[in-house]
Amino acid sequence: MKANIETFIGCEASFEEAQTVLFGAPFDSTTSFRPGTRFASRAIRGDSFGLETYSPYQDKDLEDIAVFDSGDLELSFGRVDLALAGIKEHTATILAADKRPFMIGGEHLVTLGAFEAVLAKYPDVHVIQLDAHTDLRQEYLGAELSHATVLRRIWDLVGDNRIFQFGIRSGERAEFQFASEHTHLQKFNFEGLEEVVAQLKGQPIYLTLDLDVLDPSAFPGTGTPEAGGVSFETLLAGLLTISELNIVGLDVNELSPQYDLSGASTALACKIIRELLLAIH
């Protein structure tokens, strides 16, 4: 892979030496309310230079780990299938080199492309989702591929007892009923997360973080804000707990930077990505 000209702060390692490979998936063609997540990865890279590489939360520094930023994918906005195929192919290339893919979305549907590649290499992978929304609809406005259906499509691939959802506070009644039979769903907060982490020790894990799990008072820059979310401190503590697991792939998605002109939402997303990069190394 070629080096990206503009990188996330501290992510200038070569592909060969890197343990983790960042890439952006600027796609939001199925966004159901307010579009704009296609601009997230570029905004995050630029604003990341407002951060220090050092984390006082973990006493770790990005300069001490090896991360390669491969830039943004060029994805079709008119063909969902082509966009997902491009994400899957890029993720598979990273995995084939025995490296960890870290995707910056983009709307939440982009997770499906990356997850399909991870599942091919790790057939027993489990999913941890931090999100405001269930994302378990069978279809949305007739479309089975949507950011509102992405976890249902993942369930189609892995079946019961492989998906663990936390912070969920929005969805159709039928989605919550489906979850009660087929997934582990924790409404409103992260209660039970430590027990789930203890249960999943030794298993390969795919982590998908929809940033709208945060309360919109802390994170207004998202397409479908939902009141009642968690704080930055709660989210960070949850991510540090999850990082004890064998995370073989992950993504952070659903920042729409244009809905927070202060830049605070983008700054928060940058800090979360920094902390995740440090936590998984």
Protein backbone atom coordinates (compact mmCIF):
# COMPACT_ATOMS: atom_id res chain seq x y z
CA MET A 1 0.00 0.00 0.00
CA LYS A 2 1.10 3.54 -0.69
CA ALA A 3 1.59 5.96 2.18
CA ASN A 4 -1.14 8.55 2.66
CA ILE A 5 -0.05 12.19 2.38
CA GLU A 6 -2.20 13.39 5.28
CA THR A 7 -2.32 11.00 8.22
CA PHE A 8 -3.93 10.81 11.62
CA ILE A 9 -1.47 12.25 14.12
CA GLY A 10 1.30 9.82 15.05
CA CYS A 11 0.32 7.27 12.39
CA GLU A 12 3.29 7.57 10.04
CA ALA A 13 4.65 4.01 10.23
CA SER A 14 5.16 2.08 7.01
CA PHE A 15 2.67 -0.61 6.06
CA GLU A 16 5.31 -3.29 6.59
CA GLU A 17 6.11 -2.31 10.17
CA ALA A 18 2.56 -1.41 11.23
CA GLN A 19 0.47 -3.54 13.55
CA THR A 20 -2.72 -1.62 12.77
CA VAL A 21 -3.82 -0.05 9.49
CA LEU A 22 -6.21 2.91 9.49
CA PHE A 23 -8.42 3.70 6.52
CA GLY A 24 -11.40 5.92 5.85
CA ALA A 25 -14.70 4.79 4.31
CA PRO A 26 -16.37 8.06 3.25
CA PHE A 27 -19.82 6.70 2.43
CA ASP A 28 -23.28 7.87 3.56
CA SER A 29 -25.67 6.97 0.75
CA THR A 30 -28.17 5.13 2.99
CA THR A 31 -28.25 7.68 5.82
CA SER A 32 -31.88 7.93 6.92
CA PHE A 33 -31.94 11.41 8.50
CA ARG A 34 -29.07 13.90 8.13
CA PRO A 35 -26.26 12.97 5.70
CA GLY A 36 -22.65 14.08 5.98
CA THR A 37 -20.64 11.23 7.48
CA ARG A 38 -18.70 10.98 4.19
CA PHE A 39 -16.74 14.01 5.41
CA ALA A 40 -15.76 12.50 8.76
CA SER A 41 -12.47 10.78 8.02
CA ARG A 42 -10.97 13.82 6.31
CA ALA A 43 -12.08 16.11 9.16
CA ILE A 44 -10.71 13.69 11.76
CA ARG A 45 -7.29 13.53 10.14
CA GLY A 46 -7.01 17.29 9.93
CA ASP A 47 -8.23 17.99 13.46
CA SER A 48 -6.18 15.19 14.98
CA PHE A 49 -3.22 17.54 14.93
CA GLY A 50 -4.94 19.51 17.68
CA LEU A 51 -4.18 16.52 19.92
CA GLU A 52 -1.00 15.41 21.58
CA THR A 53 0.29 11.96 20.66
CA TYR A 54 0.52 11.24 24.41
CA SER A 55 -2.48 10.01 26.40
CA PRO A 56 -2.52 10.92 30.09
CA TYR A 57 -5.44 8.50 30.49
CA GLN A 58 -3.26 5.49 29.64
CA ASP A 59 0.29 6.85 29.97
CA LYS A 60 0.96 5.74 26.41
CA ASP A 61 2.12 7.59 23.30
CA LEU A 62 1.30 7.09 19.62
CA GLU A 63 4.99 7.57 18.89
CA ASP A 64 5.67 4.26 20.63
CA ILE A 65 3.36 2.14 18.45
CA ALA A 66 3.30 1.39 14.71
CA VAL A 67 0.17 2.49 12.81
CA PHE A 68 -0.10 2.98 9.05
CA ASP A 69 -2.77 5.35 7.69
CA SER A 70 -3.72 4.16 4.22
CA GLY A 71 -6.05 7.10 3.52
CA ASP A 72 -9.62 7.17 2.29
CA LEU A 73 -11.12 4.63 -0.07
CA GLU A 74 -12.71 5.86 -3.28
CA LEU A 75 -16.20 4.43 -3.00
CA SER A 76 -19.21 4.41 -5.29
CA PHE A 77 -22.01 6.60 -3.96
CA GLY A 78 -24.57 5.22 -6.39
CA ARG A 79 -23.97 1.50 -5.80
CA VAL A 80 -24.09 0.24 -2.23
CA ASP A 81 -22.89 -3.20 -3.32
CA LEU A 82 -19.79 -1.76 -4.99
CA ALA A 83 -18.98 0.39 -1.96
CA LEU A 84 -19.22 -2.59 0.38
CA ALA A 85 -17.15 -4.72 -1.97
CA GLY A 86 -14.41 -2.07 -2.01
CA ILE A 87 -14.35 -1.92 1.78
CA LYS A 88 -14.26 -5.71 2.03
CA GLU A 89 -11.38 -5.97 -0.45
CA HIS A 90 -9.29 -3.35 1.35
CA THR A 91 -9.94 -4.95 4.72
CA ALA A 92 -9.00 -8.38 3.36
CA THR A 93 -5.69 -6.99 2.06
CA ILE A 94 -4.87 -5.71 5.55
CA LEU A 95 -5.82 -9.01 7.16
CA ALA A 96 -3.82 -11.02 4.63
CA ALA A 97 -0.72 -9.20 5.88
CA ASP A 98 -1.62 -10.23 9.47
CA LYS A 99 -2.47 -6.68 10.48
CA ARG A 100 -5.49 -5.22 12.27
CA PRO A 101 -7.92 -3.12 10.19
CA PHE A 102 -9.25 0.08 11.82
CA MET A 103 -11.90 1.80 9.71
CA ILE A 104 -13.14 5.35 10.12
CA GLY A 105 -16.67 5.81 8.71
CA GLY A 106 -18.83 6.88 7.15
CA GLU A 107 -22.31 5.72 8.04
CA HIS A 108 -22.73 2.51 9.97
CA LEU A 109 -23.44 0.32 6.93
CA VAL A 110 -19.72 0.43 6.09
CA THR A 111 -19.19 -1.99 8.99
CA LEU A 112 -20.73 -4.78 6.95
CA GLY A 113 -18.03 -4.72 4.28
CA ALA A 114 -15.19 -4.76 6.81
CA PHE A 115 -16.87 -7.40 8.95
CA GLU A 116 -17.33 -9.80 6.03
CA ALA A 117 -13.57 -9.78 5.47
CA VAL A 118 -12.87 -10.26 9.19
CA LEU A 119 -15.35 -13.14 9.36
CA ALA A 120 -13.62 -14.89 6.47
CA LYS A 121 -10.36 -14.95 8.44
CA TYR A 122 -11.87 -15.42 11.91
CA PRO A 123 -15.01 -17.60 11.53
CA ASP A 124 -15.62 -17.58 15.30
CA VAL A 125 -15.50 -13.77 15.63
CA HIS A 126 -17.91 -12.06 18.04
CA VAL A 127 -19.23 -8.52 17.70
CA ILE A 128 -19.43 -5.78 20.32
CA GLN A 129 -21.54 -2.80 19.23
CA LEU A 130 -21.68 0.49 21.13
CA ASP A 131 -24.54 2.52 19.66
CA ALA A 132 -27.70 4.51 20.30
CA HIS A 133 -29.63 2.44 17.74
CA THR A 134 -30.45 -1.24 17.43
CA ASP A 135 -29.69 -1.34 13.65
CA LEU A 136 -31.62 -4.62 13.53
CA ARG A 137 -34.35 -3.84 11.00
CA GLN A 138 -34.93 -6.43 8.32
CA GLU A 139 -35.29 -3.58 5.82
CA TYR A 140 -35.61 0.19 5.81
CA LEU A 141 -37.88 1.75 3.18
CA GLY A 142 -37.56 -1.47 1.21
CA ALA A 143 -33.76 -1.61 1.33
CA GLU A 144 -32.08 -4.50 3.12
CA LEU A 145 -28.71 -2.73 2.97
CA SER A 146 -28.94 0.36 5.17
CA HIS A 147 -27.29 1.83 8.22
CA ALA A 148 -30.55 0.87 9.97
CA THR A 149 -30.11 -2.82 9.04
CA VAL A 150 -26.36 -3.36 9.40
CA LEU A 151 -26.43 -5.46 12.59
CA ARG A 152 -29.28 -7.56 11.19
CA ARG A 153 -27.13 -8.32 8.15
CA ILE A 154 -24.26 -9.25 10.46
CA TRP A 155 -26.62 -11.50 12.43
CA ASP A 156 -27.54 -13.17 9.12
CA LEU A 157 -23.85 -14.12 8.88
CA VAL A 158 -23.10 -15.22 12.45
CA GLY A 159 -26.44 -16.16 14.05
CA ASP A 160 -27.35 -16.12 17.73
CA ASN A 161 -25.15 -15.40 20.74
CA ARG A 162 -22.41 -13.65 18.75
CA ILE A 163 -23.58 -10.00 18.93
CA PHE A 164 -23.37 -7.87 22.09
CA GLN A 165 -25.04 -4.45 21.97
CA PHE A 166 -24.60 -1.69 24.56
CA GLY A 167 -26.01 1.80 25.04
CA ILE A 168 -29.02 1.11 22.83
CA ARG A 169 -31.90 3.56 23.32
CA SER A 170 -33.70 3.74 19.97
CA GLY A 171 -35.31 1.32 17.55
CA GLU A 172 -38.59 -0.22 16.49
CA ARG A 173 -40.40 -2.46 18.95
CA ALA A 174 -39.80 -5.39 16.61
CA GLU A 175 -36.05 -4.78 16.78
CA PHE A 176 -35.99 -4.97 20.56
CA GLN A 177 -38.12 -8.11 20.40
CA PHE A 178 -35.71 -9.64 17.89
CA ALA A 179 -32.76 -8.72 20.11
CA SER A 180 -34.37 -10.38 23.13
CA GLU A 181 -34.23 -13.69 21.26
CA HIS A 182 -31.08 -13.40 19.18
CA THR A 183 -28.54 -10.90 20.60
CA HIS A 184 -27.35 -9.62 23.95
CA LEU A 185 -28.78 -6.07 24.16
CA GLN A 186 -28.18 -3.70 27.08
CA LYS A 187 -30.47 -0.69 26.95
CA PHE A 188 -29.29 2.83 27.79
CA ASN A 189 -25.88 2.08 29.33
CA PHE A 190 -22.91 -0.28 29.58
CA GLU A 191 -24.10 -2.36 32.53
CA GLY A 192 -22.86 -5.93 32.26
CA LEU A 193 -19.97 -5.03 29.97
CA GLU A 194 -17.32 -6.36 32.35
CA GLU A 195 -19.12 -9.70 32.59
CA VAL A 196 -19.35 -9.93 28.80
CA VAL A 197 -15.64 -9.16 28.46
CA ALA A 198 -14.85 -11.91 30.97
CA GLN A 199 -17.05 -14.28 28.94
CA LEU A 200 -15.37 -13.41 25.64
CA LYS A 201 -11.75 -13.68 26.75
CA GLY A 202 -9.78 -15.60 24.16
CA GLN A 203 -12.31 -15.03 21.37
CA PRO A 204 -11.60 -12.85 18.32
CA ILE A 205 -13.65 -9.65 18.59
CA TYR A 206 -14.89 -7.10 16.08
CA LEU A 207 -15.65 -3.77 17.77
CA THR A 208 -18.01 -1.32 16.07
CA LEU A 209 -18.46 2.09 17.69
CA ASP A 210 -21.25 4.34 16.50
CA LEU A 211 -20.39 7.68 18.08
CA ASP A 212 -24.06 8.54 18.56
CA VAL A 213 -23.89 6.28 21.62
CA LEU A 214 -22.68 9.51 23.21
CA ASP A 215 -25.22 11.99 24.51
CA PRO A 216 -25.81 14.77 21.95
CA SER A 217 -24.92 17.34 24.61
CA ALA A 218 -21.36 15.99 24.30
CA PHE A 219 -21.54 14.92 20.66
CA PRO A 220 -24.06 16.90 18.55
CA GLY A 221 -22.19 16.30 15.29
CA THR A 222 -24.02 13.20 14.13
CA GLY A 223 -26.79 12.41 11.69
CA THR A 224 -29.29 10.81 14.06
CA PRO A 225 -28.78 12.27 17.56
CA GLU A 226 -30.58 10.54 20.44
CA ALA A 227 -30.94 12.11 23.88
CA GLY A 228 -29.94 10.02 26.88
CA GLY A 229 -26.53 8.83 25.78
CA VAL A 230 -23.36 8.14 27.71
CA SER A 231 -20.63 10.63 28.58
CA PHE A 232 -17.12 10.72 27.11
CA GLU A 233 -15.75 9.38 30.40
CA THR A 234 -18.17 6.44 30.40
CA LEU A 235 -17.41 5.63 26.78
CA LEU A 236 -13.65 5.76 27.36
CA ALA A 237 -13.91 3.49 30.39
CA GLY A 238 -15.97 1.03 28.35
CA LEU A 239 -13.49 1.04 25.50
CA LEU A 240 -10.57 0.43 27.84
CA THR A 241 -12.45 -2.55 29.29
CA ILE A 242 -13.17 -3.94 25.81
CA SER A 243 -9.52 -3.47 24.83
CA GLU A 244 -8.62 -6.33 27.18
CA LEU A 245 -10.05 -8.63 24.50
CA ASN A 246 -8.49 -9.89 21.27
CA ILE A 247 -9.75 -7.17 18.93
CA VAL A 248 -9.04 -8.31 15.38
CA GLY A 249 -10.88 -5.47 13.62
CA LEU A 250 -12.73 -2.31 14.56
CA ASP A 251 -14.40 0.81 13.30
CA VAL A 252 -15.54 4.22 14.50
CA ASN A 253 -18.39 5.78 12.55
CA GLU A 254 -21.26 8.29 12.26
CA LEU A 255 -19.48 11.60 12.84
CA SER A 256 -21.08 14.30 10.68
CA PRO A 257 -18.72 17.22 11.29
CA GLN A 258 -20.86 19.89 9.63
CA TYR A 259 -23.56 19.63 12.33
CA ASP A 260 -21.15 20.90 14.99
CA LEU A 261 -19.46 24.01 13.69
CA SER A 262 -17.58 24.41 16.97
CA GLY A 263 -15.48 21.38 16.02
CA ALA A 264 -16.02 19.84 19.45
CA SER A 265 -17.58 16.64 18.06
CA THR A 266 -14.68 16.11 15.68
CA ALA A 267 -12.21 16.76 18.49
CA LEU A 268 -13.98 14.16 20.63
CA ALA A 269 -13.88 11.62 17.78
CA CYS A 270 -10.15 12.27 17.37
CA LYS A 271 -9.50 11.65 21.04
CA ILE A 272 -11.52 8.43 21.02
CA ILE A 273 -9.54 7.15 18.04
CA ARG A 274 -6.26 8.03 19.74
CA GLU A 275 -7.30 6.21 22.89
CA LEU A 276 -8.47 3.16 20.95
CA LEU A 277 -5.22 2.97 18.98
CA LEU A 278 -3.22 3.06 22.19
CA ALA A 279 -5.50 0.66 24.07
CA ILE A 280 -5.33 -2.13 21.48
CA HIS A 281 -1.52 -2.12 21.26
